[in-house]
Amino acid sequence: MVYVLGVNLKNNSKARYSIPKIYGIGHSMALTIFNDLNLGHNLRTKDLTQNILVKILKWVDKHKILVESSLKQKIVSDINKLKSIKILDLQKR
């Protein structure tokens, strides 16, 4: 298994289908990443080298994509902000 950003990715699946297991990266973003980095669409997760993983992480960082815990923290922060200004009221009246 390949371990990226706290997520275990299955070895035998295609990498562009494994990458969306990372919270914050969907299928279309994974396709964009693979196209921008000129990675083969048939590349398997087990064939991802350290160099390729670093390129993917740099691409995510360069485009300021929030993933995993930072995205989850942002969502909680946004919800709390909306609650505090009473735009979002999740309690039943």
PDB file of N, CA and C in Angstrom:
ATOM      1  N   MET A   1       0.826  -1.186   0.000  1.00  0.00           N
ATOM      2  CA  MET A   1       0.000   0.000   0.000  1.00  0.00           C
ATOM      3  C   MET A   1       0.870   1.250   0.000  1.00  0.00           C
ATOM      4  N   VAL A   2       0.363   2.271  -0.636  1.00  0.00           N
ATOM      5  CA  VAL A   2       1.038   3.560  -0.669  1.00  0.00           C
ATOM      6  C   VAL A   2       0.330   4.457   0.337  1.00  0.00           C
ATOM      7  N   TYR A   3       1.107   5.134   1.162  1.00  0.00           N
ATOM      8  CA  TYR A   3       0.586   5.981   2.220  1.00  0.00           C
ATOM      9  C   TYR A   3       0.863   7.435   1.867  1.00  0.00           C
ATOM     10  N   VAL A   4      -0.205   8.211   1.593  1.00  0.00           N
ATOM     11  CA  VAL A   4      -0.058   9.613   1.191  1.00  0.00           C
ATOM     12  C   VAL A   4      -1.012  10.459   2.028  1.00  0.00           C
ATOM     13  N   LEU A   5      -0.485  11.479   2.691  1.00  0.00           N
ATOM     14  CA  LEU A   5      -1.290  12.407   3.479  1.00  0.00           C
ATOM     15  C   LEU A   5      -2.211  11.695   4.467  1.00  0.00           C
ATOM     16  N   GLY A   6      -1.734  10.625   5.044  1.00  0.00           N
ATOM     17  CA  GLY A   6      -2.513   9.898   6.035  1.00  0.00           C
ATOM     18  C   GLY A   6      -3.533   8.945   5.451  1.00  0.00           C
ATOM     19  N   VAL A   7      -3.469   8.697   4.154  1.00  0.00           N
ATOM     20  CA  VAL A   7      -4.435   7.824   3.487  1.00  0.00           C
ATOM     21  C   VAL A   7      -3.697   6.663   2.832  1.00  0.00           C
ATOM     22  N   ASN A   8      -4.187   5.451   3.077  1.00  0.00           N
ATOM     23  CA  ASN A   8      -3.638   4.273   2.409  1.00  0.00           C
ATOM     24  C   ASN A   8      -4.325   4.097   1.063  1.00  0.00           C
ATOM     25  N   LEU A   9      -3.540   4.011   0.011  1.00  0.00           N
ATOM     26  CA  LEU A   9      -4.066   3.825  -1.333  1.00  0.00           C
ATOM     27  C   LEU A   9      -3.765   2.406  -1.793  1.00  0.00           C
ATOM     28  N   LYS A  10      -4.730   1.768  -2.433  1.00  0.00           N
ATOM     29  CA  LYS A  10      -4.565   0.386  -2.893  1.00  0.00           C
ATOM     30  C   LYS A  10      -3.525   0.314  -4.003  1.00  0.00           C
ATOM     31  N   ASN A  11      -2.671  -0.694  -3.931  1.00  0.00           N
ATOM     32  CA  ASN A  11      -1.562  -0.855  -4.875  1.00  0.00           C
ATOM     33  C   ASN A  11      -1.996  -1.134  -6.301  1.00  0.00           C
ATOM     34  N   ASN A  12      -2.977  -2.008  -6.487  1.00  0.00           N
ATOM     35  CA  ASN A  12      -3.274  -2.496  -7.831  1.00  0.00           C
ATOM     36  C   ASN A  12      -4.235  -1.623  -8.620  1.00  0.00           C
ATOM     37  N   SER A  13      -4.820  -0.620  -7.996  1.00  0.00           N
ATOM     38  CA  SER A  13      -5.744   0.236  -8.741  1.00  0.00           C
ATOM     39  C   SER A  13      -4.960   1.306  -9.491  1.00  0.00           C
ATOM     40  N   LYS A  14      -5.608   1.882 -10.502  1.00  0.00           N
ATOM     41  CA  LYS A  14      -4.968   2.959 -11.242  1.00  0.00           C
ATOM     42  C   LYS A  14      -4.839   4.165 -10.322  1.00  0.00           C
ATOM     43  N   ALA A  15      -3.712   4.827 -10.410  1.00  0.00           N
ATOM     44  CA  ALA A  15      -3.415   5.927  -9.489  1.00  0.00           C
ATOM     45  C   ALA A  15      -4.419   7.065  -9.593  1.00  0.00           C
ATOM     46  N   ARG A  16      -4.904   7.338 -10.808  1.00  0.00           N
ATOM     47  CA  ARG A  16      -5.847   8.457 -10.934  1.00  0.00           C
ATOM     48  C   ARG A  16      -7.192   8.137 -10.302  1.00  0.00           C
ATOM     49  N   TYR A  17      -7.467   6.856 -10.025  1.00  0.00           N
ATOM     50  CA  TYR A  17      -8.675   6.482  -9.298  1.00  0.00           C
ATOM     51  C   TYR A  17      -8.398   6.342  -7.801  1.00  0.00           C
ATOM     52  N   SER A  18      -7.141   6.203  -7.419  1.00  0.00           N
ATOM     53  CA  SER A  18      -6.771   6.094  -6.007  1.00  0.00           C
ATOM     54  C   SER A  18      -6.613   7.462  -5.351  1.00  0.00           C
ATOM     55  N   ILE A  19      -6.066   8.411  -6.087  1.00  0.00           N
ATOM     56  CA  ILE A  19      -5.798   9.745  -5.550  1.00  0.00           C
ATOM     57  C   ILE A  19      -7.060  10.401  -4.976  1.00  0.00           C
ATOM     58  N   PRO A  20      -8.260  10.218  -5.580  1.00  0.00           N
ATOM     59  CA  PRO A  20      -9.452  10.843  -4.995  1.00  0.00           C
ATOM     60  C   PRO A  20      -9.843  10.300  -3.620  1.00  0.00           C
ATOM     61  N   LYS A  21      -9.173   9.274  -3.139  1.00  0.00           N
ATOM     62  CA  LYS A  21      -9.412   8.801  -1.771  1.00  0.00           C
ATOM     63  C   LYS A  21      -8.916   9.837  -0.762  1.00  0.00           C
ATOM     64  N   ILE A  22      -8.059  10.736  -1.208  1.00  0.00           N
ATOM     65  CA  ILE A  22      -7.571  11.823  -0.353  1.00  0.00           C
ATOM     66  C   ILE A  22      -8.679  12.850  -0.251  1.00  0.00           C
ATOM     67  N   TYR A  23      -9.090  13.159   0.976  1.00  0.00           N
ATOM     68  CA  TYR A  23     -10.202  14.082   1.210  1.00  0.00           C
ATOM     69  C   TYR A  23      -9.852  15.453   0.638  1.00  0.00           C
ATOM     70  N   GLY A  24     -10.672  15.928  -0.282  1.00  0.00           N
ATOM     71  CA  GLY A  24     -10.445  17.221  -0.905  1.00  0.00           C
ATOM     72  C   GLY A  24     -10.019  17.123  -2.356  1.00  0.00           C
ATOM     73  N   ILE A  25      -9.692  15.914  -2.809  1.00  0.00           N
ATOM     74  CA  ILE A  25      -9.336  15.702  -4.211  1.00  0.00           C
ATOM     75  C   ILE A  25     -10.387  14.787  -4.823  1.00  0.00           C
ATOM     76  N   GLY A  26     -11.078  15.289  -5.817  1.00  0.00           N
ATOM     77  CA  GLY A  26     -12.090  14.506  -6.513  1.00  0.00           C
ATOM     78  C   GLY A  26     -11.535  13.910  -7.793  1.00  0.00           C
ATOM     79  N   HIS A  27     -12.403  13.250  -8.525  1.00  0.00           N
ATOM     80  CA  HIS A  27     -11.966  12.597  -9.762  1.00  0.00           C
ATOM     81  C   HIS A  27     -11.524  13.608 -10.815  1.00  0.00           C
ATOM     82  N   SER A  28     -12.247  14.702 -10.934  1.00  0.00           N
ATOM     83  CA  SER A  28     -11.862  15.684 -11.953  1.00  0.00           C
ATOM     84  C   SER A  28     -10.543  16.365 -11.591  1.00  0.00           C
ATOM     85  N   MET A  29     -10.325  16.615 -10.305  1.00  0.00           N
ATOM     86  CA  MET A  29      -9.054  17.223  -9.900  1.00  0.00           C
ATOM     87  C   MET A  29      -7.909  16.238 -10.104  1.00  0.00           C
ATOM     88  N   ALA A  30      -8.151  14.966  -9.819  1.00  0.00           N
ATOM     89  CA  ALA A  30      -7.121  13.953 -10.039  1.00  0.00           C
ATOM     90  C   ALA A  30      -6.748  13.895 -11.523  1.00  0.00           C
ATOM     91  N   LEU A  31      -7.755  13.977 -12.383  1.00  0.00           N
ATOM     92  CA  LEU A  31      -7.500  13.969 -13.822  1.00  0.00           C
ATOM     93  C   LEU A  31      -6.696  15.203 -14.229  1.00  0.00           C
ATOM     94  N   THR A  32      -7.032  16.357 -13.653  1.00  0.00           N
ATOM     95  CA  THR A  32      -6.289  17.588 -13.934  1.00  0.00           C
ATOM     96  C   THR A  32      -4.841  17.459 -13.481  1.00  0.00           C
ATOM     97  N   ILE A  33      -4.631  16.899 -12.295  1.00  0.00           N
ATOM     98  CA  ILE A  33      -3.278  16.702 -11.772  1.00  0.00           C
ATOM     99  C   ILE A  33      -2.478  15.816 -12.725  1.00  0.00           C
ATOM    100  N   PHE A  34      -3.070  14.702 -13.139  1.00  0.00           N
ATOM    101  CA  PHE A  34      -2.364  13.771 -14.014  1.00  0.00           C
ATOM    102  C   PHE A  34      -2.077  14.393 -15.375  1.00  0.00           C
ATOM    103  N   ASN A  35      -2.994  15.209 -15.882  1.00  0.00           N
ATOM    104  CA  ASN A  35      -2.758  15.879 -17.168  1.00  0.00           C
ATOM    105  C   ASN A  35      -1.675  16.944 -17.038  1.00  0.00           C
ATOM    106  N   ASP A  36      -1.734  17.756 -15.981  1.00  0.00           N
ATOM    107  CA  ASP A  36      -0.752  18.824 -15.791  1.00  0.00           C
ATOM    108  C   ASP A  36       0.658  18.285 -15.583  1.00  0.00           C
ATOM    109  N   LEU A  37       0.764  17.152 -14.901  1.00  0.00           N
ATOM    110  CA  LEU A  37       2.076  16.576 -14.607  1.00  0.00           C
ATOM    111  C   LEU A  37       2.523  15.573 -15.664  1.00  0.00           C
ATOM    112  N   ASN A  38       1.721  15.416 -16.713  1.00  0.00           N
ATOM    113  CA  ASN A  38       2.031  14.467 -17.789  1.00  0.00           C
ATOM    114  C   ASN A  38       2.295  13.058 -17.271  1.00  0.00           C
ATOM    115  N   LEU A  39       1.446  12.620 -16.361  1.00  0.00           N
ATOM    116  CA  LEU A  39       1.545  11.258 -15.837  1.00  0.00           C
ATOM    117  C   LEU A  39       0.627  10.370 -16.671  1.00  0.00           C
ATOM    118  N   GLY A  40       1.030   9.153 -16.884  1.00  0.00           N
ATOM    119  CA  GLY A  40       0.220   8.234 -17.678  1.00  0.00           C
ATOM    120  C   GLY A  40      -1.076   7.889 -16.973  1.00  0.00           C
ATOM    121  N   HIS A  41      -2.144   7.775 -17.733  1.00  0.00           N
ATOM    122  CA  HIS A  41      -3.440   7.459 -17.148  1.00  0.00           C
ATOM    123  C   HIS A  41      -3.541   6.002 -16.726  1.00  0.00           C
ATOM    124  N   ASN A  42      -2.623   5.168 -17.171  1.00  0.00           N
ATOM    125  CA  ASN A  42      -2.622   3.762 -16.778  1.00  0.00           C
ATOM    126  C   ASN A  42      -1.643   3.474 -15.645  1.00  0.00           C
ATOM    127  N   LEU A  43      -1.060   4.517 -15.079  1.00  0.00           N
ATOM    128  CA  LEU A  43      -0.103   4.377 -13.988  1.00  0.00           C
ATOM    129  C   LEU A  43      -0.794   3.764 -12.763  1.00  0.00           C
ATOM    130  N   ARG A  44      -0.228   2.712 -12.233  1.00  0.00           N
ATOM    131  CA  ARG A  44      -0.781   2.041 -11.056  1.00  0.00           C
ATOM    132  C   ARG A  44      -0.228   2.691  -9.792  1.00  0.00           C
ATOM    133  N   THR A  45      -0.994   2.588  -8.725  1.00  0.00           N
ATOM    134  CA  THR A  45      -0.590   3.186  -7.456  1.00  0.00           C
ATOM    135  C   THR A  45       0.745   2.611  -6.986  1.00  0.00           C
ATOM    136  N   LYS A  46       0.949   1.320  -7.179  1.00  0.00           N
ATOM    137  CA  LYS A  46       2.201   0.689  -6.743  1.00  0.00           C
ATOM    138  C   LYS A  46       3.411   1.223  -7.508  1.00  0.00           C
ATOM    139  N   ASP A  47       3.165   1.834  -8.684  1.00  0.00           N
ATOM    140  CA  ASP A  47       4.248   2.362  -9.503  1.00  0.00           C
ATOM    141  C   ASP A  47       4.554   3.829  -9.211  1.00  0.00           C
ATOM    142  N   LEU A  48       3.833   4.429  -8.271  1.00  0.00           N
ATOM    143  CA  LEU A  48       4.104   5.821  -7.902  1.00  0.00           C
ATOM    144  C   LEU A  48       5.426   5.876  -7.134  1.00  0.00           C
ATOM    145  N   THR A  49       6.378   6.567  -7.698  1.00  0.00           N
ATOM    146  CA  THR A  49       7.665   6.706  -7.033  1.00  0.00           C
ATOM    147  C   THR A  49       7.597   7.874  -6.055  1.00  0.00           C
ATOM    148  N   GLN A  50       8.596   7.966  -5.222  1.00  0.00           N
ATOM    149  CA  GLN A  50       8.675   9.085  -4.279  1.00  0.00           C
ATOM    150  C   GLN A  50       8.709  10.411  -5.038  1.00  0.00           C
ATOM    151  N   ASN A  51       9.400  10.429  -6.165  1.00  0.00           N
ATOM    152  CA  ASN A  51       9.510  11.624  -6.990  1.00  0.00           C
ATOM    153  C   ASN A  51       8.134  12.064  -7.516  1.00  0.00           C
ATOM    154  N   ILE A  52       7.337  11.112  -7.990  1.00  0.00           N
ATOM    155  CA  ILE A  52       6.003  11.429  -8.504  1.00  0.00           C
ATOM    156  C   ILE A  52       5.098  11.926  -7.379  1.00  0.00           C
ATOM    157  N   LEU A  53       5.169  11.283  -6.226  1.00  0.00           N
ATOM    158  CA  LEU A  53       4.357  11.712  -5.081  1.00  0.00           C
ATOM    159  C   LEU A  53       4.712  13.133  -4.658  1.00  0.00           C
ATOM    160  N   VAL A  54       5.983  13.450  -4.678  1.00  0.00           N
ATOM    161  CA  VAL A  54       6.415  14.810  -4.335  1.00  0.00           C
ATOM    162  C   VAL A  54       5.867  15.801  -5.359  1.00  0.00           C
ATOM    163  N   LYS A  55       5.893  15.439  -6.645  1.00  0.00           N
ATOM    164  CA  LYS A  55       5.345  16.311  -7.688  1.00  0.00           C
ATOM    165  C   LYS A  55       3.855  16.563  -7.466  1.00  0.00           C
ATOM    166  N   ILE A  56       3.125  15.506  -7.122  1.00  0.00           N
ATOM    167  CA  ILE A  56       1.686  15.642  -6.866  1.00  0.00           C
ATOM    168  C   ILE A  56       1.442  16.555  -5.669  1.00  0.00           C
ATOM    169  N   LEU A  57       2.189  16.348  -4.592  1.00  0.00           N
ATOM    170  CA  LEU A  57       2.021  17.179  -3.400  1.00  0.00           C
ATOM    171  C   LEU A  57       2.403  18.632  -3.663  1.00  0.00           C
ATOM    172  N   LYS A  58       3.438  18.856  -4.472  1.00  0.00           N
ATOM    173  CA  LYS A  58       3.821  20.224  -4.828  1.00  0.00           C
ATOM    174  C   LYS A  58       2.749  20.878  -5.684  1.00  0.00           C
ATOM    175  N   TRP A  59       2.127  20.117  -6.591  1.00  0.00           N
ATOM    176  CA  TRP A  59       1.054  20.646  -7.421  1.00  0.00           C
ATOM    177  C   TRP A  59      -0.121  21.073  -6.537  1.00  0.00           C
ATOM    178  N   VAL A  60      -0.478  20.227  -5.590  1.00  0.00           N
ATOM    179  CA  VAL A  60      -1.582  20.538  -4.669  1.00  0.00           C
ATOM    180  C   VAL A  60      -1.251  21.789  -3.864  1.00  0.00           C
ATOM    181  N   ASP A  61      -0.029  21.887  -3.389  1.00  0.00           N
ATOM    182  CA  ASP A  61       0.392  23.048  -2.603  1.00  0.00           C
ATOM    183  C   ASP A  61       0.433  24.313  -3.463  1.00  0.00           C
ATOM    184  N   LYS A  62       0.941  24.202  -4.679  1.00  0.00           N
ATOM    185  CA  LYS A  62       1.046  25.348  -5.589  1.00  0.00           C
ATOM    186  C   LYS A  62      -0.327  25.930  -5.906  1.00  0.00           C
ATOM    187  N   HIS A  63      -1.326  25.065  -6.072  1.00  0.00           N
ATOM    188  CA  HIS A  63      -2.671  25.506  -6.412  1.00  0.00           C
ATOM    189  C   HIS A  63      -3.525  25.784  -5.171  1.00  0.00           C
ATOM    190  N   LYS A  64      -2.881  25.731  -4.011  1.00  0.00           N
ATOM    191  CA  LYS A  64      -3.538  26.056  -2.733  1.00  0.00           C
ATOM    192  C   LYS A  64      -4.807  25.235  -2.516  1.00  0.00           C
ATOM    193  N   ILE A  65      -4.707  23.945  -2.789  1.00  0.00           N
ATOM    194  CA  ILE A  65      -5.818  23.029  -2.576  1.00  0.00           C
ATOM    195  C   ILE A  65      -5.759  22.539  -1.131  1.00  0.00           C
ATOM    196  N   LEU A  66      -6.847  22.718  -0.403  1.00  0.00           N
ATOM    197  CA  LEU A  66      -6.909  22.219   0.964  1.00  0.00           C
ATOM    198  C   LEU A  66      -7.285  20.747   0.928  1.00  0.00           C
ATOM    199  N   VAL A  67      -6.538  19.925   1.650  1.00  0.00           N
ATOM    200  CA  VAL A  67      -6.819  18.497   1.694  1.00  0.00           C
ATOM    201  C   VAL A  67      -6.744  18.001   3.128  1.00  0.00           C
ATOM    202  N   GLU A  68      -7.417  16.882   3.363  1.00  0.00           N
ATOM    203  CA  GLU A  68      -7.425  16.182   4.637  1.00  0.00           C
ATOM    204  C   GLU A  68      -7.721  17.089   5.826  1.00  0.00           C
ATOM    205  N   SER A  69      -6.882  17.120   6.836  1.00  0.00           N
ATOM    206  CA  SER A  69      -7.211  17.804   8.092  1.00  0.00           C
ATOM    207  C   SER A  69      -7.351  19.313   7.929  1.00  0.00           C
ATOM    208  N   SER A  70      -6.564  19.924   7.057  1.00  0.00           N
ATOM    209  CA  SER A  70      -6.689  21.374   6.871  1.00  0.00           C
ATOM    210  C   SER A  70      -8.038  21.731   6.246  1.00  0.00           C
ATOM    211  N   LEU A  71      -8.539  20.911   5.327  1.00  0.00           N
ATOM    212  CA  LEU A  71      -9.854  21.141   4.735  1.00  0.00           C
ATOM    213  C   LEU A  71     -10.949  20.920   5.769  1.00  0.00           C
ATOM    214  N   LYS A  72     -10.820  19.880   6.559  1.00  0.00           N
ATOM    215  CA  LYS A  72     -11.820  19.602   7.596  1.00  0.00           C
ATOM    216  C   LYS A  72     -11.870  20.731   8.618  1.00  0.00           C
ATOM    217  N   GLN A  73     -10.701  21.253   9.008  1.00  0.00           N
ATOM    218  CA  GLN A  73     -10.658  22.380   9.939  1.00  0.00           C
ATOM    219  C   GLN A  73     -11.310  23.618   9.335  1.00  0.00           C
ATOM    220  N   LYS A  74     -11.087  23.865   8.055  1.00  0.00           N
ATOM    221  CA  LYS A  74     -11.678  25.017   7.372  1.00  0.00           C
ATOM    222  C   LYS A  74     -13.199  24.901   7.336  1.00  0.00           C
ATOM    223  N   ILE A  75     -13.709  23.712   7.079  1.00  0.00           N
ATOM    224  CA  ILE A  75     -15.155  23.494   7.039  1.00  0.00           C
ATOM    225  C   ILE A  75     -15.777  23.763   8.409  1.00  0.00           C
ATOM    226  N   VAL A  76     -15.157  23.236   9.464  1.00  0.00           N
ATOM    227  CA  VAL A  76     -15.667  23.464  10.818  1.00  0.00           C
ATOM    228  C   VAL A  76     -15.611  24.944  11.156  1.00  0.00           C
ATOM    229  N   SER A  77     -14.531  25.598  10.788  1.00  0.00           N
ATOM    230  CA  SER A  77     -14.384  27.027  11.041  1.00  0.00           C
ATOM    231  C   SER A  77     -15.463  27.827  10.311  1.00  0.00           C
ATOM    232  N   ASP A  78     -15.713  27.483   9.057  1.00  0.00           N
ATOM    233  CA  ASP A  78     -16.739  28.180   8.277  1.00  0.00           C
ATOM    234  C   ASP A  78     -18.132  27.976   8.868  1.00  0.00           C
ATOM    235  N   ILE A  79     -18.429  26.759   9.295  1.00  0.00           N
ATOM    236  CA  ILE A  79     -19.730  26.475   9.911  1.00  0.00           C
ATOM    237  C   ILE A  79     -19.891  27.274  11.197  1.00  0.00           C
ATOM    238  N   ASN A  80     -18.851  27.307  12.019  1.00  0.00           N
ATOM    239  CA  ASN A  80     -18.923  28.064  13.270  1.00  0.00           C
ATOM    240  C   ASN A  80     -19.089  29.565  13.012  1.00  0.00           C
ATOM    241  N   LYS A  81     -18.434  30.053  11.983  1.00  0.00           N
ATOM    242  CA  LYS A  81     -18.569  31.466  11.633  1.00  0.00           C
ATOM    243  C   LYS A  81     -20.001  31.782  11.213  1.00  0.00           C
ATOM    244  N   LEU A  82     -20.580  30.920  10.386  1.00  0.00           N
ATOM    245  CA  LEU A  82     -21.952  31.123   9.949  1.00  0.00           C
ATOM    246  C   LEU A  82     -22.934  31.029  11.121  1.00  0.00           C
ATOM    247  N   LYS A  83     -22.656  30.123  12.043  1.00  0.00           N
ATOM    248  CA  LYS A  83     -23.497  30.023  13.242  1.00  0.00           C
ATOM    249  C   LYS A  83     -23.408  31.289  14.073  1.00  0.00           C
ATOM    250  N   SER A  84     -22.197  31.829  14.194  1.00  0.00           N
ATOM    251  CA  SER A  84     -22.014  33.008  15.041  1.00  0.00           C
ATOM    252  C   SER A  84     -22.701  34.240  14.472  1.00  0.00           C
ATOM    253  N   ILE A  85     -22.827  34.325  13.169  1.00  0.00           N
ATOM    254  CA  ILE A  85     -23.539  35.474  12.590  1.00  0.00           C
ATOM    255  C   ILE A  85     -24.981  35.109  12.269  1.00  0.00           C
ATOM    256  N   LYS A  86     -25.385  33.955  12.743  1.00  0.00           N
ATOM    257  CA  LYS A  86     -26.774  33.462  12.677  1.00  0.00           C
ATOM    258  C   LYS A  86     -27.325  33.327  11.272  1.00  0.00           C
ATOM    259  N   ILE A  87     -26.448  33.032  10.332  1.00  0.00           N
ATOM    260  CA  ILE A  87     -26.914  32.708   8.981  1.00  0.00           C
ATOM    261  C   ILE A  87     -27.281  31.230   8.933  1.00  0.00           C
ATOM    262  N   LEU A  88     -26.534  30.458   9.670  1.00  0.00           N
ATOM    263  CA  LEU A  88     -26.770  29.012   9.691  1.00  0.00           C
ATOM    264  C   LEU A  88     -27.271  28.644  11.068  1.00  0.00           C
ATOM    265  N   ASP A  89     -28.506  28.217  11.148  1.00  0.00           N
ATOM    266  CA  ASP A  89     -29.090  27.831  12.419  1.00  0.00           C
ATOM    267  C   ASP A  89     -29.500  26.372  12.310  1.00  0.00           C
ATOM    268  N   LEU A  90     -28.711  25.493  12.892  1.00  0.00           N
ATOM    269  CA  LEU A  90     -28.962  24.066  12.766  1.00  0.00           C
ATOM    270  C   LEU A  90     -29.895  23.533  13.846  1.00  0.00           C
ATOM    271  N   GLN A  91     -30.244  24.357  14.795  1.00  0.00           N
ATOM    272  CA  GLN A  91     -31.129  23.918  15.865  1.00  0.00           C
ATOM    273  C   GLN A  91     -32.576  24.090  15.442  1.00  0.00           C
ATOM    274  N   LYS A  92     -33.394  23.099  15.833  1.00  0.00           N
ATOM    275  CA  LYS A  92     -34.816  23.172  15.507  1.00  0.00           C
ATOM    276  C   LYS A  92     -35.472  24.198  16.434  1.00  0.00           C
ATOM    277  N   ARG A  93     -36.415  24.911  15.903  1.00  0.00           N
ATOM    278  CA  ARG A  93     -37.109  25.914  16.712  1.00  0.00           C
ATOM    279  C   ARG A  93     -38.444  25.429  17.119  1.00  0.00           C
TER     280      ARG A  93
END
